[in-house]
Amino acid sequence: MDWELDKRSKKCALCRKEFETGGAYQSVLNLEENMLQSGPEADSSKDEQPPSKDNPLKNSGRREEYCPSCWEIKKQEVLFDYFWQGRYIEPPEPGKSPSRLYDITSIQELFFNTLTEAQNLSLSDEERIEKNGIAYLLALFLERKRLLKHKKDSVIDGVNCALYEEPKTGIVHTIRHPLFSAQWVREYQHKIALLLNIPPKAEKEKV
């Protein structure tokens, strides 16, 4: 099934303040699987059609962005299926290439190198877990850029894994699912930023 996801917003979903270029924001995503509606609640004004190539059944996802201050409030109130942090880049003017705080080629190289290193049996368990976590977050990013495709989740030797395929080559990579938490995501985003030489973010004010 295909997914229909909202585009990134230009302003915070809570305070409605517009993001500044280069400023941090938090994206959240809740996925909902759309089913063909039937019974008394169905819209009788429309003919129901089964999913097909010309009329595929699509799943939808509700996406929202929050500024750092509002995210500290929102994350205590609601559970989300997925969340990630980014930096807002103003859309380029027509005919101009967008500016980036990262280089796609460097991210791909870091992903492949880290994934390869994670298979090194001479590393300690802690080192392999760290490299696997970095590779997993990079895989999610590359999936959003359509440079990797999530094939399926599978249990291999008793471990939950995600299988990602390179669309151009058909090569499939297996990555262990890490134990997610908000703290884990922040920690590994910081690790990746250091590896990519991305300038550190300003520390948040402690209340």
Foldseek 3Di string as FASTA:
>chain_A
DAEDEDDADQAAPPPRHGADAQAKKKKFKAKDQDDQDDDPVDDPVDDDDAADPVRHRYIYMYMGMHHPVVCVVVVVPDDTPDMAMDGDFPDDDPPDDGDDLADPVLLVVLLVVLLVVLPDPVDDPVSNLLSLLLNVVSQVVCVVVVQKPWDDWDQDPNFIWTWIAGVVPRDIGIGTDDDDDPVSNVVSVVVVCVVRVRDDDDDDDDD
